[in-house]
């Protein structure tokens, strides 16, 4: 699944998760990477 959102002041990685532990154990936890597009549909690696 792909979600598109806009972050104006953050580039980097974080964990998105539910605070109900049963839900986390059932997959409602994932790593998220915020990056700058490279113009070809990918993410350019950049500095903060």
PDB file of N, CA and C in Angstrom:
ATOM      1  N   UNK A   1       0.846  -1.153   0.000  1.00  0.00           N
ATOM      2  CA  UNK A   1       0.000   0.000   0.000  1.00  0.00           C
ATOM      3  C   UNK A   1       0.898   1.224   0.000  1.00  0.00           C
ATOM      4  N   UNK A   2       0.529   2.250  -0.709  1.00  0.00           N
ATOM      5  CA  UNK A   2       1.313   3.481  -0.766  1.00  0.00           C
ATOM      6  C   UNK A   2       0.427   4.649  -0.324  1.00  0.00           C
ATOM      7  N   UNK A   3       0.927   5.413   0.627  1.00  0.00           N
ATOM      8  CA  UNK A   3       0.249   6.625   1.085  1.00  0.00           C
ATOM      9  C   UNK A   3       1.073   7.820   0.666  1.00  0.00           C
ATOM     10  N   UNK A   4       0.426   8.842   0.226  1.00  0.00           N
ATOM     11  CA  UNK A   4       1.132  10.081  -0.104  1.00  0.00           C
ATOM     12  C   UNK A   4       0.636  11.179   0.822  1.00  0.00           C
ATOM     13  N   UNK A   5       1.571  11.768   1.535  1.00  0.00           N
ATOM     14  CA  UNK A   5       1.265  12.877   2.433  1.00  0.00           C
ATOM     15  C   UNK A   5       2.321  13.947   2.223  1.00  0.00           C
ATOM     16  N   UNK A   6       2.110  15.094   2.800  1.00  0.00           N
ATOM     17  CA  UNK A   6       3.059  16.195   2.628  1.00  0.00           C
ATOM     18  C   UNK A   6       3.619  16.599   3.988  1.00  0.00           C
ATOM     19  N   UNK A   7       4.921  16.552   4.095  1.00  0.00           N
ATOM     20  CA  UNK A   7       5.630  16.985   5.307  1.00  0.00           C
ATOM     21  C   UNK A   7       6.482  18.177   4.915  1.00  0.00           C
ATOM     22  N   UNK A   8       6.235  19.310   5.506  1.00  0.00           N
ATOM     23  CA  UNK A   8       6.926  20.526   5.102  1.00  0.00           C
ATOM     24  C   UNK A   8       8.270  20.716   5.791  1.00  0.00           C
ATOM     25  N   UNK A   9       8.467  20.130   6.957  1.00  0.00           N
ATOM     26  CA  UNK A   9       9.684  20.427   7.707  1.00  0.00           C
ATOM     27  C   UNK A   9      10.374  19.192   8.256  1.00  0.00           C
ATOM     28  N   UNK A  10      10.194  18.041   7.630  1.00  0.00           N
ATOM     29  CA  UNK A  10      10.828  16.826   8.148  1.00  0.00           C
ATOM     30  C   UNK A  10      11.281  15.942   7.002  1.00  0.00           C
ATOM     31  N   UNK A  11      12.511  15.488   7.071  1.00  0.00           N
ATOM     32  CA  UNK A  11      13.060  14.499   6.151  1.00  0.00           C
ATOM     33  C   UNK A  11      13.750  13.459   7.021  1.00  0.00           C
ATOM     34  N   UNK A  12      13.433  12.204   6.811  1.00  0.00           N
ATOM     35  CA  UNK A  12      14.079  11.150   7.591  1.00  0.00           C
ATOM     36  C   UNK A  12      13.154   9.981   7.845  1.00  0.00           C
ATOM     37  N   UNK A  13      13.534   9.142   8.807  1.00  0.00           N
ATOM     38  CA  UNK A  13      12.800   7.928   9.125  1.00  0.00           C
ATOM     39  C   UNK A  13      12.116   8.048  10.487  1.00  0.00           C
ATOM     40  N   UNK A  14      10.955   7.405  10.608  1.00  0.00           N
ATOM     41  CA  UNK A  14      10.290   7.292  11.901  1.00  0.00           C
ATOM     42  C   UNK A  14       9.404   6.062  11.884  1.00  0.00           C
ATOM     43  N   UNK A  15       8.878   5.696  13.043  1.00  0.00           N
ATOM     44  CA  UNK A  15       8.005   4.537  13.162  1.00  0.00           C
ATOM     45  C   UNK A  15       6.574   5.032  13.337  1.00  0.00           C
ATOM     46  N   UNK A  16       5.672   4.517  12.508  1.00  0.00           N
ATOM     47  CA  UNK A  16       4.247   4.808  12.600  1.00  0.00           C
ATOM     48  C   UNK A  16       3.595   3.597  13.245  1.00  0.00           C
ATOM     49  N   UNK A  17       2.841   3.799  14.331  1.00  0.00           N
ATOM     50  CA  UNK A  17       2.277   2.655  15.035  1.00  0.00           C
ATOM     51  C   UNK A  17       1.030   3.030  15.803  1.00  0.00           C
ATOM     52  N   UNK A  18       0.255   2.012  16.128  1.00  0.00           N
ATOM     53  CA  UNK A  18      -0.922   2.150  16.977  1.00  0.00           C
ATOM     54  C   UNK A  18      -0.475   1.993  18.427  1.00  0.00           C
ATOM     55  N   UNK A  19      -1.089   2.727  19.329  1.00  0.00           N
ATOM     56  CA  UNK A  19      -0.716   2.637  20.743  1.00  0.00           C
ATOM     57  C   UNK A  19      -1.420   1.509  21.480  1.00  0.00           C
ATOM     58  N   UNK A  20      -2.255   0.756  20.799  1.00  0.00           N
ATOM     59  CA  UNK A  20      -2.873  -0.431  21.396  1.00  0.00           C
ATOM     60  C   UNK A  20      -1.945  -1.599  21.083  1.00  0.00           C
ATOM     61  N   UNK A  21      -1.323  -2.173  22.108  1.00  0.00           N
ATOM     62  CA  UNK A  21      -0.272  -3.171  21.908  1.00  0.00           C
ATOM     63  C   UNK A  21      -0.732  -4.377  21.101  1.00  0.00           C
ATOM     64  N   UNK A  22      -1.965  -4.822  21.302  1.00  0.00           N
ATOM     65  CA  UNK A  22      -2.487  -5.930  20.493  1.00  0.00           C
ATOM     66  C   UNK A  22      -2.452  -5.586  19.004  1.00  0.00           C
ATOM     67  N   UNK A  23      -2.776  -4.355  18.681  1.00  0.00           N
ATOM     68  CA  UNK A  23      -2.767  -3.925  17.273  1.00  0.00           C
ATOM     69  C   UNK A  23      -1.346  -3.910  16.715  1.00  0.00           C
ATOM     70  N   UNK A  24      -0.404  -3.406  17.492  1.00  0.00           N
ATOM     71  CA  UNK A  24       1.003  -3.418  17.051  1.00  0.00           C
ATOM     72  C   UNK A  24       1.458  -4.832  16.740  1.00  0.00           C
ATOM     73  N   UNK A  25       1.105  -5.762  17.629  1.00  0.00           N
ATOM     74  CA  UNK A  25       1.512  -7.161  17.448  1.00  0.00           C
ATOM     75  C   UNK A  25       0.889  -7.780  16.195  1.00  0.00           C
ATOM     76  N   UNK A  26      -0.228  -7.222  15.743  1.00  0.00           N
ATOM     77  CA  UNK A  26      -0.916  -7.751  14.568  1.00  0.00           C
ATOM     78  C   UNK A  26      -0.571  -6.980  13.289  1.00  0.00           C
ATOM     79  N   UNK A  27       0.486  -6.172  13.341  1.00  0.00           N
ATOM     80  CA  UNK A  27       0.983  -5.536  12.122  1.00  0.00           C
ATOM     81  C   UNK A  27       0.717  -4.060  11.970  1.00  0.00           C
ATOM     82  N   UNK A  28       0.123  -3.413  12.961  1.00  0.00           N
ATOM     83  CA  UNK A  28      -0.148  -1.983  12.825  1.00  0.00           C
ATOM     84  C   UNK A  28       1.048  -1.164  13.319  1.00  0.00           C
ATOM     85  N   UNK A  29       2.210  -1.492  12.772  1.00  0.00           N
ATOM     86  CA  UNK A  29       3.447  -0.798  13.104  1.00  0.00           C
ATOM     87  C   UNK A  29       4.365  -0.913  11.898  1.00  0.00           C
ATOM     88  N   UNK A  30       4.934   0.201  11.464  1.00  0.00           N
ATOM     89  CA  UNK A  30       5.801   0.157  10.290  1.00  0.00           C
ATOM     90  C   UNK A  30       6.788   1.313  10.302  1.00  0.00           C
ATOM     91  N   UNK A  31       7.882   1.123   9.596  1.00  0.00           N
ATOM     92  CA  UNK A  31       8.856   2.189   9.398  1.00  0.00           C
ATOM     93  C   UNK A  31       8.381   3.067   8.249  1.00  0.00           C
ATOM     94  N   UNK A  32       8.582   4.371   8.389  1.00  0.00           N
ATOM     95  CA  UNK A  32       8.190   5.331   7.364  1.00  0.00           C
ATOM     96  C   UNK A  32       9.410   6.176   7.023  1.00  0.00           C
ATOM     97  N   UNK A  33       9.646   6.408   5.747  1.00  0.00           N
ATOM     98  CA  UNK A  33      10.744   7.257   5.304  1.00  0.00           C
ATOM     99  C   UNK A  33      10.167   8.465   4.562  1.00  0.00           C
ATOM    100  N   UNK A  34      10.528   9.661   5.036  1.00  0.00           N
ATOM    101  CA  UNK A  34      10.131  10.903   4.387  1.00  0.00           C
ATOM    102  C   UNK A  34      11.340  11.379   3.601  1.00  0.00           C
ATOM    103  N   UNK A  35      11.157  11.616   2.309  1.00  0.00           N
ATOM    104  CA  UNK A  35      12.280  12.032   1.470  1.00  0.00           C
ATOM    105  C   UNK A  35      11.858  13.045   0.425  1.00  0.00           C
ATOM    106  N   UNK A  36      12.802  13.471  -0.350  1.00  0.00           N
ATOM    107  CA  UNK A  36      12.583  14.416  -1.443  1.00  0.00           C
ATOM    108  C   UNK A  36      12.529  13.612  -2.734  1.00  0.00           C
ATOM    109  N   UNK A  37      11.531  13.863  -3.570  1.00  0.00           N
ATOM    110  CA  UNK A  37      11.418  13.114  -4.821  1.00  0.00           C
ATOM    111  C   UNK A  37      12.583  13.434  -5.747  1.00  0.00           C
ATOM    112  N   UNK A  38      12.962  12.422  -6.529  1.00  0.00           N
ATOM    113  CA  UNK A  38      14.056  12.603  -7.475  1.00  0.00           C
ATOM    114  C   UNK A  38      13.560  12.987  -8.871  1.00  0.00           C
ATOM    115  N   UNK A  39      12.248  13.157  -9.016  1.00  0.00           N
ATOM    116  CA  UNK A  39      11.687  13.531 -10.308  1.00  0.00           C
ATOM    117  C   UNK A  39      11.324  12.345 -11.185  1.00  0.00           C
ATOM    118  N   UNK A  40      11.751  11.139 -10.816  1.00  0.00           N
ATOM    119  CA  UNK A  40      11.456   9.934 -11.583  1.00  0.00           C
ATOM    120  C   UNK A  40      10.562   8.964 -10.815  1.00  0.00           C
ATOM    121  N   UNK A  41       9.911   9.444  -9.746  1.00  0.00           N
ATOM    122  CA  UNK A  41       9.046   8.582  -8.939  1.00  0.00           C
ATOM    123  C   UNK A  41       9.746   7.935  -7.775  1.00  0.00           C
ATOM    124  N   UNK A  42      11.029   8.215  -7.590  1.00  0.00           N
ATOM    125  CA  UNK A  42      11.790   7.664  -6.467  1.00  0.00           C
ATOM    126  C   UNK A  42      12.078   8.725  -5.427  1.00  0.00           C
ATOM    127  N   UNK A  43      12.891   8.347  -4.458  1.00  0.00           N
ATOM    128  CA  UNK A  43      13.261   9.262  -3.370  1.00  0.00           C
ATOM    129  C   UNK A  43      14.756   9.524  -3.442  1.00  0.00           C
ATOM    130  N   UNK A  44      15.115  10.789  -3.459  1.00  0.00           N
ATOM    131  CA  UNK A  44      16.532  11.175  -3.410  1.00  0.00           C
ATOM    132  C   UNK A  44      16.961  11.198  -1.949  1.00  0.00           C
ATOM    133  N   UNK A  45      18.089  10.619  -1.657  1.00  0.00           N
ATOM    134  CA  UNK A  45      18.609  10.638  -0.291  1.00  0.00           C
ATOM    135  C   UNK A  45      19.189  12.021  -0.041  1.00  0.00           C
ATOM    136  N   UNK A  46      18.789  12.624   1.054  1.00  0.00           N
ATOM    137  CA  UNK A  46      19.248  13.974   1.348  1.00  0.00           C
ATOM    138  C   UNK A  46      19.573  14.146   2.809  1.00  0.00           C
ATOM    139  N   UNK A  47      20.092  15.293   3.153  1.00  0.00           N
ATOM    140  CA  UNK A  47      20.417  15.618   4.531  1.00  0.00           C
ATOM    141  C   UNK A  47      19.246  16.348   5.153  1.00  0.00           C
ATOM    142  N   UNK A  48      19.196  16.349   6.497  1.00  0.00           N
ATOM    143  CA  UNK A  48      18.120  17.009   7.231  1.00  0.00           C
ATOM    144  C   UNK A  48      18.228  18.491   7.052  1.00  0.00           C
TER     145      UNK A  48
END
